[in-house]
Amino acid sequence: MKPNIPLMLATLAHVEAHPEQHNQRQFLYTCRSGCCFAGWALAIHRRQEPIRDSPFIEVASHRMDRVEAQARKALGITRRQAGDLFEPYNDLEDLGLFVERIIERAFW
């Protein structure tokens, strides 16, 4: 799987520039007070406002999927990488380190 590095960097840049809009603990629930990395990645990828009321998103006519699963696909990362990156206790420093590791491994 090849990581979508531009999306990953754009998402990291957004959460670093707007920490008040980031809440990593909103992981699989809702983004009422701010979105996690997965929520922002998907919002940036789809060029729309973050999903704030549901952990699910319509991906095709009448088919729903978890925001986290769709963000993982958009970012082009493995389930393990997503597990690390989307961990609810990550702070901005942790996110930066995980993004750096994913990018480094993309060039191995």
Foldseek 3Di string as FASTA:
>chain_A
DAFPLVLLVVLLVVCVVCVQQEQLLCQQAFSQRHYHSLQSSVCVLVVHDGGGHHQWDDPDVVDIDGSLVVSCVSRVHDPVLSCQLSPRPDDSVSNVVSSVVSVVVSVD
